């Protein structure tokens, strides 16, 4: 089944809204997928697309500074946070 670009944009907006609500905390892909009730691979694809548009930032290290091997956490970029805050 193919999802239209319009629906992908709506889901991306849900992701951004959720990341704004928990800002400045960063969260794993699986937790975002659970929150918006979608498949993890689909959400990861959307997250990477949002990263290319500089709306979110990928966090590759844990709080102790150790690099994740297979996981990533995500947070809203500073520019996106400012835009949401002013909206």
PDB file of N, CA and C in Angstrom:
ATOM      1  N   UNK A   1       0.842  -1.175   0.000  1.00  0.00           N
ATOM      2  CA  UNK A   1       0.000   0.000   0.000  1.00  0.00           C
ATOM      3  C   UNK A   1       0.890   1.243   0.000  1.00  0.00           C
ATOM      4  N   UNK A   2       0.532   2.205  -0.813  1.00  0.00           N
ATOM      5  CA  UNK A   2       1.307   3.434  -0.946  1.00  0.00           C
ATOM      6  C   UNK A   2       0.594   4.569  -0.217  1.00  0.00           C
ATOM      7  N   UNK A   3       1.368   5.349   0.512  1.00  0.00           N
ATOM      8  CA  UNK A   3       0.830   6.483   1.248  1.00  0.00           C
ATOM      9  C   UNK A   3       1.132   7.751   0.461  1.00  0.00           C
ATOM     10  N   UNK A   4       0.138   8.600   0.305  1.00  0.00           N
ATOM     11  CA  UNK A   4       0.315   9.817  -0.483  1.00  0.00           C
ATOM     12  C   UNK A   4       1.259  10.789   0.221  1.00  0.00           C
ATOM     13  N   UNK A   5       1.827  11.695  -0.568  1.00  0.00           N
ATOM     14  CA  UNK A   5       2.740  12.694  -0.016  1.00  0.00           C
ATOM     15  C   UNK A   5       2.035  13.612   0.977  1.00  0.00           C
ATOM     16  N   UNK A   6       0.768  13.875   0.727  1.00  0.00           N
ATOM     17  CA  UNK A   6       0.000  14.734   1.623  1.00  0.00           C
ATOM     18  C   UNK A   6      -0.135  14.085   3.008  1.00  0.00           C
ATOM     19  N   UNK A   7      -0.391  12.786   3.041  1.00  0.00           N
ATOM     20  CA  UNK A   7      -0.513  12.079   4.312  1.00  0.00           C
ATOM     21  C   UNK A   7       0.838  11.965   5.012  1.00  0.00           C
ATOM     22  N   UNK A   8       1.907  11.791   4.238  1.00  0.00           N
ATOM     23  CA  UNK A   8       3.247  11.757   4.827  1.00  0.00           C
ATOM     24  C   UNK A   8       3.561  13.092   5.498  1.00  0.00           C
ATOM     25  N   UNK A   9       3.149  14.191   4.871  1.00  0.00           N
ATOM     26  CA  UNK A   9       3.362  15.510   5.462  1.00  0.00           C
ATOM     27  C   UNK A   9       2.580  15.665   6.762  1.00  0.00           C
ATOM     28  N   UNK A  10       1.358  15.152   6.789  1.00  0.00           N
ATOM     29  CA  UNK A  10       0.543  15.213   8.017  1.00  0.00           C
ATOM     30  C   UNK A  10       1.196  14.422   9.143  1.00  0.00           C
ATOM     31  N   UNK A  11       1.715  13.246   8.833  1.00  0.00           N
ATOM     32  CA  UNK A  11       2.381  12.412   9.840  1.00  0.00           C
ATOM     33  C   UNK A  11       3.670  13.101  10.302  1.00  0.00           C
ATOM     34  N   UNK A  12       4.382  13.723   9.372  1.00  0.00           N
ATOM     35  CA  UNK A  12       5.596  14.472   9.725  1.00  0.00           C
ATOM     36  C   UNK A  12       5.252  15.631  10.663  1.00  0.00           C
ATOM     37  N   UNK A  13       4.124  16.287  10.424  1.00  0.00           N
ATOM     38  CA  UNK A  13       3.668  17.358  11.311  1.00  0.00           C
ATOM     39  C   UNK A  13       3.367  16.816  12.701  1.00  0.00           C
ATOM     40  N   UNK A  14       2.784  15.618  12.778  1.00  0.00           N
ATOM     41  CA  UNK A  14       2.526  14.993  14.075  1.00  0.00           C
ATOM     42  C   UNK A  14       3.839  14.735  14.810  1.00  0.00           C
ATOM     43  N   UNK A  15       4.831  14.266  14.088  1.00  0.00           N
ATOM     44  CA  UNK A  15       6.144  13.996  14.687  1.00  0.00           C
ATOM     45  C   UNK A  15       6.750  15.290  15.222  1.00  0.00           C
ATOM     46  N   UNK A  16       6.722  16.338  14.422  1.00  0.00           N
ATOM     47  CA  UNK A  16       7.272  17.621  14.849  1.00  0.00           C
ATOM     48  C   UNK A  16       6.528  18.169  16.059  1.00  0.00           C
ATOM     49  N   UNK A  17       5.232  18.029  16.057  1.00  0.00           N
ATOM     50  CA  UNK A  17       4.420  18.484  17.188  1.00  0.00           C
ATOM     51  C   UNK A  17       4.787  17.727  18.460  1.00  0.00           C
ATOM     52  N   UNK A  18       4.957  16.423  18.334  1.00  0.00           N
ATOM     53  CA  UNK A  18       5.334  15.616  19.494  1.00  0.00           C
ATOM     54  C   UNK A  18       6.715  16.000  20.005  1.00  0.00           C
ATOM     55  N   UNK A  19       7.675  16.173  19.097  1.00  0.00           N
ATOM     56  CA  UNK A  19       9.024  16.564  19.508  1.00  0.00           C
ATOM     57  C   UNK A  19       9.015  17.948  20.155  1.00  0.00           C
ATOM     58  N   UNK A  20       8.145  18.833  19.678  1.00  0.00           N
ATOM     59  CA  UNK A  20       8.023  20.156  20.294  1.00  0.00           C
ATOM     60  C   UNK A  20       7.485  20.033  21.711  1.00  0.00           C
ATOM     61  N   UNK A  21       6.534  19.135  21.926  1.00  0.00           N
ATOM     62  CA  UNK A  21       5.914  18.995  23.246  1.00  0.00           C
ATOM     63  C   UNK A  21       6.875  18.441  24.291  1.00  0.00           C
ATOM     64  N   UNK A  22       7.894  17.695  23.865  1.00  0.00           N
ATOM     65  CA  UNK A  22       8.840  17.117  24.823  1.00  0.00           C
ATOM     66  C   UNK A  22      10.194  17.821  24.806  1.00  0.00           C
ATOM     67  N   UNK A  23      10.310  18.884  24.026  1.00  0.00           N
ATOM     68  CA  UNK A  23      11.580  19.606  23.903  1.00  0.00           C
ATOM     69  C   UNK A  23      12.075  20.065  25.266  1.00  0.00           C
ATOM     70  N   UNK A  24      13.343  19.995  25.605  1.00  0.00           N
ATOM     71  CA  UNK A  24      14.543  19.696  24.833  1.00  0.00           C
ATOM     72  C   UNK A  24      14.953  18.226  24.893  1.00  0.00           C
ATOM     73  N   UNK A  25      14.113  17.382  25.423  1.00  0.00           N
ATOM     74  CA  UNK A  25      14.416  15.959  25.537  1.00  0.00           C
ATOM     75  C   UNK A  25      14.517  15.329  24.146  1.00  0.00           C
ATOM     76  N   UNK A  26      15.446  14.391  23.991  1.00  0.00           N
ATOM     77  CA  UNK A  26      15.541  13.634  22.736  1.00  0.00           C
ATOM     78  C   UNK A  26      14.951  12.250  22.976  1.00  0.00           C
ATOM     79  N   UNK A  27      14.446  11.653  21.913  1.00  0.00           N
ATOM     80  CA  UNK A  27      13.686  10.410  22.044  1.00  0.00           C
ATOM     81  C   UNK A  27      14.055   9.446  20.921  1.00  0.00           C
ATOM     82  N   UNK A  28      13.963   8.149  21.221  1.00  0.00           N
ATOM     83  CA  UNK A  28      14.310   7.120  20.239  1.00  0.00           C
ATOM     84  C   UNK A  28      13.239   6.983  19.163  1.00  0.00           C
ATOM     85  N   UNK A  29      13.651   6.468  18.015  1.00  0.00           N
ATOM     86  CA  UNK A  29      12.757   6.241  16.888  1.00  0.00           C
ATOM     87  C   UNK A  29      11.575   5.357  17.281  1.00  0.00           C
ATOM     88  N   UNK A  30      11.849   4.312  18.036  1.00  0.00           N
ATOM     89  CA  UNK A  30      10.784   3.385  18.423  1.00  0.00           C
ATOM     90  C   UNK A  30       9.717   4.065  19.279  1.00  0.00           C
ATOM     91  N   UNK A  31      10.134   4.996  20.131  1.00  0.00           N
ATOM     92  CA  UNK A  31       9.173   5.713  20.968  1.00  0.00           C
ATOM     93  C   UNK A  31       8.324   6.674  20.140  1.00  0.00           C
ATOM     94  N   UNK A  32       8.919   7.288  19.136  1.00  0.00           N
ATOM     95  CA  UNK A  32       8.164   8.163  18.237  1.00  0.00           C
ATOM     96  C   UNK A  32       7.156   7.340  17.452  1.00  0.00           C
ATOM     97  N   UNK A  33       7.586   6.177  16.951  1.00  0.00           N
ATOM     98  CA  UNK A  33       6.698   5.298  16.192  1.00  0.00           C
ATOM     99  C   UNK A  33       5.514   4.849  17.049  1.00  0.00           C
ATOM    100  N   UNK A  34       5.781   4.572  18.299  1.00  0.00           N
ATOM    101  CA  UNK A  34       4.713   4.163  19.206  1.00  0.00           C
ATOM    102  C   UNK A  34       3.733   5.316  19.447  1.00  0.00           C
ATOM    103  N   UNK A  35       4.253   6.521  19.577  1.00  0.00           N
ATOM    104  CA  UNK A  35       3.411   7.689  19.844  1.00  0.00           C
ATOM    105  C   UNK A  35       2.479   8.005  18.680  1.00  0.00           C
ATOM    106  N   UNK A  36       2.972   7.901  17.453  1.00  0.00           N
ATOM    107  CA  UNK A  36       2.132   8.205  16.287  1.00  0.00           C
ATOM    108  C   UNK A  36       1.515   6.953  15.666  1.00  0.00           C
ATOM    109  N   UNK A  37       1.704   5.819  16.319  1.00  0.00           N
ATOM    110  CA  UNK A  37       1.090   4.546  15.921  1.00  0.00           C
ATOM    111  C   UNK A  37       1.400   4.180  14.467  1.00  0.00           C
ATOM    112  N   UNK A  38       2.682   4.171  14.145  1.00  0.00           N
ATOM    113  CA  UNK A  38       3.143   3.788  12.808  1.00  0.00           C
ATOM    114  C   UNK A  38       4.330   2.839  12.922  1.00  0.00           C
ATOM    115  N   UNK A  39       4.666   2.230  11.806  1.00  0.00           N
ATOM    116  CA  UNK A  39       5.786   1.297  11.714  1.00  0.00           C
ATOM    117  C   UNK A  39       7.115   2.044  11.898  1.00  0.00           C
ATOM    118  N   UNK A  40       8.061   1.415  12.593  1.00  0.00           N
ATOM    119  CA  UNK A  40       9.351   2.057  12.878  1.00  0.00           C
ATOM    120  C   UNK A  40      10.133   2.409  11.617  1.00  0.00           C
ATOM    121  N   UNK A  41      10.141   1.525  10.636  1.00  0.00           N
ATOM    122  CA  UNK A  41      10.889   1.797   9.399  1.00  0.00           C
ATOM    123  C   UNK A  41      10.294   2.984   8.642  1.00  0.00           C
ATOM    124  N   UNK A  42       8.975   3.062   8.617  1.00  0.00           N
ATOM    125  CA  UNK A  42       8.299   4.179   7.966  1.00  0.00           C
ATOM    126  C   UNK A  42       8.627   5.489   8.688  1.00  0.00           C
ATOM    127  N   UNK A  43       8.586   5.461  10.010  1.00  0.00           N
ATOM    128  CA  UNK A  43       8.896   6.647  10.809  1.00  0.00           C
ATOM    129  C   UNK A  43      10.350   7.050  10.620  1.00  0.00           C
ATOM    130  N   UNK A  44      11.262   6.070  10.567  1.00  0.00           N
ATOM    131  CA  UNK A  44      12.673   6.386  10.376  1.00  0.00           C
ATOM    132  C   UNK A  44      12.884   7.084   9.039  1.00  0.00           C
ATOM    133  N   UNK A  45      12.184   6.636   8.018  1.00  0.00           N
ATOM    134  CA  UNK A  45      12.270   7.266   6.704  1.00  0.00           C
ATOM    135  C   UNK A  45      11.804   8.726   6.780  1.00  0.00           C
ATOM    136  N   UNK A  46      10.692   8.964   7.474  1.00  0.00           N
ATOM    137  CA  UNK A  46      10.196  10.330   7.632  1.00  0.00           C
ATOM    138  C   UNK A  46      11.169  11.184   8.452  1.00  0.00           C
ATOM    139  N   UNK A  47      11.749  10.595   9.503  1.00  0.00           N
ATOM    140  CA  UNK A  47      12.702  11.316  10.333  1.00  0.00           C
ATOM    141  C   UNK A  47      13.940  11.731   9.533  1.00  0.00           C
ATOM    142  N   UNK A  48      14.426  10.844   8.700  1.00  0.00           N
ATOM    143  CA  UNK A  48      15.583  11.172   7.869  1.00  0.00           C
ATOM    144  C   UNK A  48      15.248  12.284   6.878  1.00  0.00           C
ATOM    145  N   UNK A  49      14.015  12.266   6.369  1.00  0.00           N
ATOM    146  CA  UNK A  49      13.567  13.327   5.473  1.00  0.00           C
ATOM    147  C   UNK A  49      13.493  14.665   6.217  1.00  0.00           C
ATOM    148  N   UNK A  50      12.983  14.639   7.450  1.00  0.00           N
ATOM    149  CA  UNK A  50      12.923  15.859   8.262  1.00  0.00           C
ATOM    150  C   UNK A  50      14.323  16.356   8.606  1.00  0.00           C
ATOM    151  N   UNK A  51      15.245  15.423   8.793  1.00  0.00           N
ATOM    152  CA  UNK A  51      16.637  15.795   9.096  1.00  0.00           C
ATOM    153  C   UNK A  51      17.259  16.520   7.897  1.00  0.00           C
ATOM    154  N   UNK A  52      16.978  16.045   6.688  1.00  0.00           N
ATOM    155  CA  UNK A  52      17.494  16.696   5.480  1.00  0.00           C
ATOM    156  C   UNK A  52      16.970  18.124   5.362  1.00  0.00           C
ATOM    157  N   UNK A  53      15.753  18.352   5.852  1.00  0.00           N
ATOM    158  CA  UNK A  53      15.138  19.678   5.795  1.00  0.00           C
ATOM    159  C   UNK A  53      15.529  20.540   7.000  1.00  0.00           C
ATOM    160  N   UNK A  54      16.448  20.031   7.838  1.00  0.00           N
ATOM    161  CA  UNK A  54      16.965  20.737   9.014  1.00  0.00           C
ATOM    162  C   UNK A  54      15.884  21.104  10.029  1.00  0.00           C
ATOM    163  N   UNK A  55      14.866  20.241  10.154  1.00  0.00           N
ATOM    164  CA  UNK A  55      13.819  20.468  11.139  1.00  0.00           C
ATOM    165  C   UNK A  55      14.073  19.699  12.429  1.00  0.00           C
ATOM    166  N   UNK A  56      14.822  18.605  12.323  1.00  0.00           N
ATOM    167  CA  UNK A  56      15.163  17.828  13.509  1.00  0.00           C
ATOM    168  C   UNK A  56      16.650  17.504  13.492  1.00  0.00           C
ATOM    169  N   UNK A  57      17.152  17.088  14.656  1.00  0.00           N
ATOM    170  CA  UNK A  57      18.573  16.765  14.808  1.00  0.00           C
ATOM    171  C   UNK A  57      18.676  15.332  15.311  1.00  0.00           C
ATOM    172  N   UNK A  58      19.578  14.571  14.706  1.00  0.00           N
ATOM    173  CA  UNK A  58      19.824  13.199  15.134  1.00  0.00           C
ATOM    174  C   UNK A  58      20.908  13.198  16.207  1.00  0.00           C
ATOM    175  N   UNK A  59      20.608  12.520  17.317  1.00  0.00           N
ATOM    176  CA  UNK A  59      21.560  12.411  18.416  1.00  0.00           C
ATOM    177  C   UNK A  59      22.131  10.995  18.367  1.00  0.00           C
ATOM    178  N   UNK A  60      23.427  10.888  18.144  1.00  0.00           N
ATOM    179  CA  UNK A  60      24.069   9.588  17.965  1.00  0.00           C
ATOM    180  C   UNK A  60      24.812   9.106  19.204  1.00  0.00           C
ATOM    181  N   UNK A  61      24.790   9.911  20.291  1.00  0.00           N
ATOM    182  CA  UNK A  61      25.519   9.525  21.505  1.00  0.00           C
ATOM    183  C   UNK A  61      24.576   9.497  22.700  1.00  0.00           C
ATOM    184  N   UNK A  62      24.885   8.619  23.642  1.00  0.00           N
ATOM    185  CA  UNK A  62      24.092   8.563  24.863  1.00  0.00           C
ATOM    186  C   UNK A  62      24.545   9.686  25.804  1.00  0.00           C
ATOM    187  N   UNK A  63      23.834   9.902  26.913  1.00  0.00           N
ATOM    188  CA  UNK A  63      24.215  10.992  27.825  1.00  0.00           C
ATOM    189  C   UNK A  63      25.636  10.890  28.386  1.00  0.00           C
ATOM    190  N   UNK A  64      26.197   9.694  28.390  1.00  0.00           N
ATOM    191  CA  UNK A  64      27.564   9.514  28.887  1.00  0.00           C
ATOM    192  C   UNK A  64      28.613   9.763  27.806  1.00  0.00           C
ATOM    193  N   UNK A  65      28.178  10.024  26.567  1.00  0.00           N
ATOM    194  CA  UNK A  65      29.101  10.315  25.482  1.00  0.00           C
ATOM    195  C   UNK A  65      29.470   9.129  24.624  1.00  0.00           C
ATOM    196  N   UNK A  66      28.917   7.965  24.917  1.00  0.00           N
ATOM    197  CA  UNK A  66      29.226   6.783  24.129  1.00  0.00           C
ATOM    198  C   UNK A  66      28.342   6.759  22.874  1.00  0.00           C
ATOM    199  N   UNK A  67      28.947   6.440  21.737  1.00  0.00           N
ATOM    200  CA  UNK A  67      28.231   6.428  20.464  1.00  0.00           C
ATOM    201  C   UNK A  67      27.324   5.203  20.359  1.00  0.00           C
ATOM    202  N   UNK A  68      26.081   5.446  19.903  1.00  0.00           N
ATOM    203  CA  UNK A  68      25.155   4.347  19.644  1.00  0.00           C
ATOM    204  C   UNK A  68      25.595   3.613  18.383  1.00  0.00           C
ATOM    205  N   UNK A  69      25.479   2.294  18.386  1.00  0.00           N
ATOM    206  CA  UNK A  69      25.855   1.510  17.227  1.00  0.00           C
ATOM    207  C   UNK A  69      24.675   1.383  16.263  1.00  0.00           C
ATOM    208  N   UNK A  70      23.494   1.058  16.792  1.00  0.00           N
ATOM    209  CA  UNK A  70      22.350   0.794  15.928  1.00  0.00           C
ATOM    210  C   UNK A  70      21.144   1.669  16.229  1.00  0.00           C
ATOM    211  N   UNK A  71      21.259   2.595  17.138  1.00  0.00           N
ATOM    212  CA  UNK A  71      20.109   3.390  17.543  1.00  0.00           C
ATOM    213  C   UNK A  71      20.373   4.862  17.305  1.00  0.00           C
ATOM    214  N   UNK A  72      19.298   5.623  17.273  1.00  0.00           N
ATOM    215  CA  UNK A  72      19.401   7.076  17.172  1.00  0.00           C
ATOM    216  C   UNK A  72      18.291   7.693  18.005  1.00  0.00           C
ATOM    217  N   UNK A  73      18.615   8.828  18.574  1.00  0.00           N
ATOM    218  CA  UNK A  73      17.585   9.611  19.243  1.00  0.00           C
ATOM    219  C   UNK A  73      17.384  10.869  18.415  1.00  0.00           C
ATOM    220  N   UNK A  74      16.224  11.487  18.574  1.00  0.00           N
ATOM    221  CA  UNK A  74      15.877  12.639  17.755  1.00  0.00           C
ATOM    222  C   UNK A  74      15.361  13.758  18.649  1.00  0.00           C
ATOM    223  N   UNK A  75      15.649  14.997  18.234  1.00  0.00           N
ATOM    224  CA  UNK A  75      15.106  16.158  18.907  1.00  0.00           C
ATOM    225  C   UNK A  75      14.857  17.244  17.870  1.00  0.00           C
ATOM    226  N   UNK A  76      14.037  18.194  18.240  1.00  0.00           N
ATOM    227  CA  UNK A  76      13.712  19.302  17.363  1.00  0.00           C
ATOM    228  C   UNK A  76      14.927  20.217  17.224  1.00  0.00           C
ATOM    229  N   UNK A  77      15.177  20.708  16.025  1.00  0.00           N
ATOM    230  CA  UNK A  77      16.297  21.631  15.829  1.00  0.00           C
ATOM    231  C   UNK A  77      15.949  22.977  16.453  1.00  0.00           C
ATOM    232  N   UNK A  78      16.963  23.759  16.736  1.00  0.00           N
ATOM    233  CA  UNK A  78      16.740  25.069  17.359  1.00  0.00           C
ATOM    234  C   UNK A  78      15.902  25.981  16.467  1.00  0.00           C
ATOM    235  N   UNK A  79      16.158  25.952  15.170  1.00  0.00           N
ATOM    236  CA  UNK A  79      15.400  26.794  14.235  1.00  0.00           C
ATOM    237  C   UNK A  79      13.928  26.381  14.190  1.00  0.00           C
ATOM    238  N   UNK A  80      13.676  25.071  14.181  1.00  0.00           N
ATOM    239  CA  UNK A  80      12.295  24.585  14.154  1.00  0.00           C
ATOM    240  C   UNK A  80      11.586  24.917  15.467  1.00  0.00           C
ATOM    241  N   UNK A  81      12.304  24.821  16.581  1.00  0.00           N
ATOM    242  CA  UNK A  81      11.704  25.159  17.877  1.00  0.00           C
ATOM    243  C   UNK A  81      11.299  26.630  17.915  1.00  0.00           C
ATOM    244  N   UNK A  82      12.160  27.493  17.418  1.00  0.00           N
ATOM    245  CA  UNK A  82      11.857  28.927  17.393  1.00  0.00           C
ATOM    246  C   UNK A  82      10.647  29.211  16.505  1.00  0.00           C
ATOM    247  N   UNK A  83      10.572  28.533  15.362  1.00  0.00           N
ATOM    248  CA  UNK A  83       9.430  28.725  14.457  1.00  0.00           C
ATOM    249  C   UNK A  83       8.130  28.271  15.112  1.00  0.00           C
ATOM    250  N   UNK A  84       8.149  27.105  15.780  1.00  0.00           N
ATOM    251  CA  UNK A  84       6.968  26.613  16.475  1.00  0.00           C
ATOM    252  C   UNK A  84       6.572  27.544  17.614  1.00  0.00           C
ATOM    253  N   UNK A  85       7.563  28.036  18.333  1.00  0.00           N
ATOM    254  CA  UNK A  85       7.313  28.902  19.483  1.00  0.00           C
ATOM    255  C   UNK A  85       6.650  30.200  19.045  1.00  0.00           C
ATOM    256  N   UNK A  86       7.087  30.737  17.917  1.00  0.00           N
ATOM    257  CA  UNK A  86       6.511  31.987  17.404  1.00  0.00           C
ATOM    258  C   UNK A  86       5.153  31.779  16.762  1.00  0.00           C
ATOM    259  N   UNK A  87       4.861  30.544  16.373  1.00  0.00           N
ATOM    260  CA  UNK A  87       3.576  30.248  15.730  1.00  0.00           C
ATOM    261  C   UNK A  87       2.485  30.252  16.765  1.00  0.00           C
TER     262      UNK A  87
END
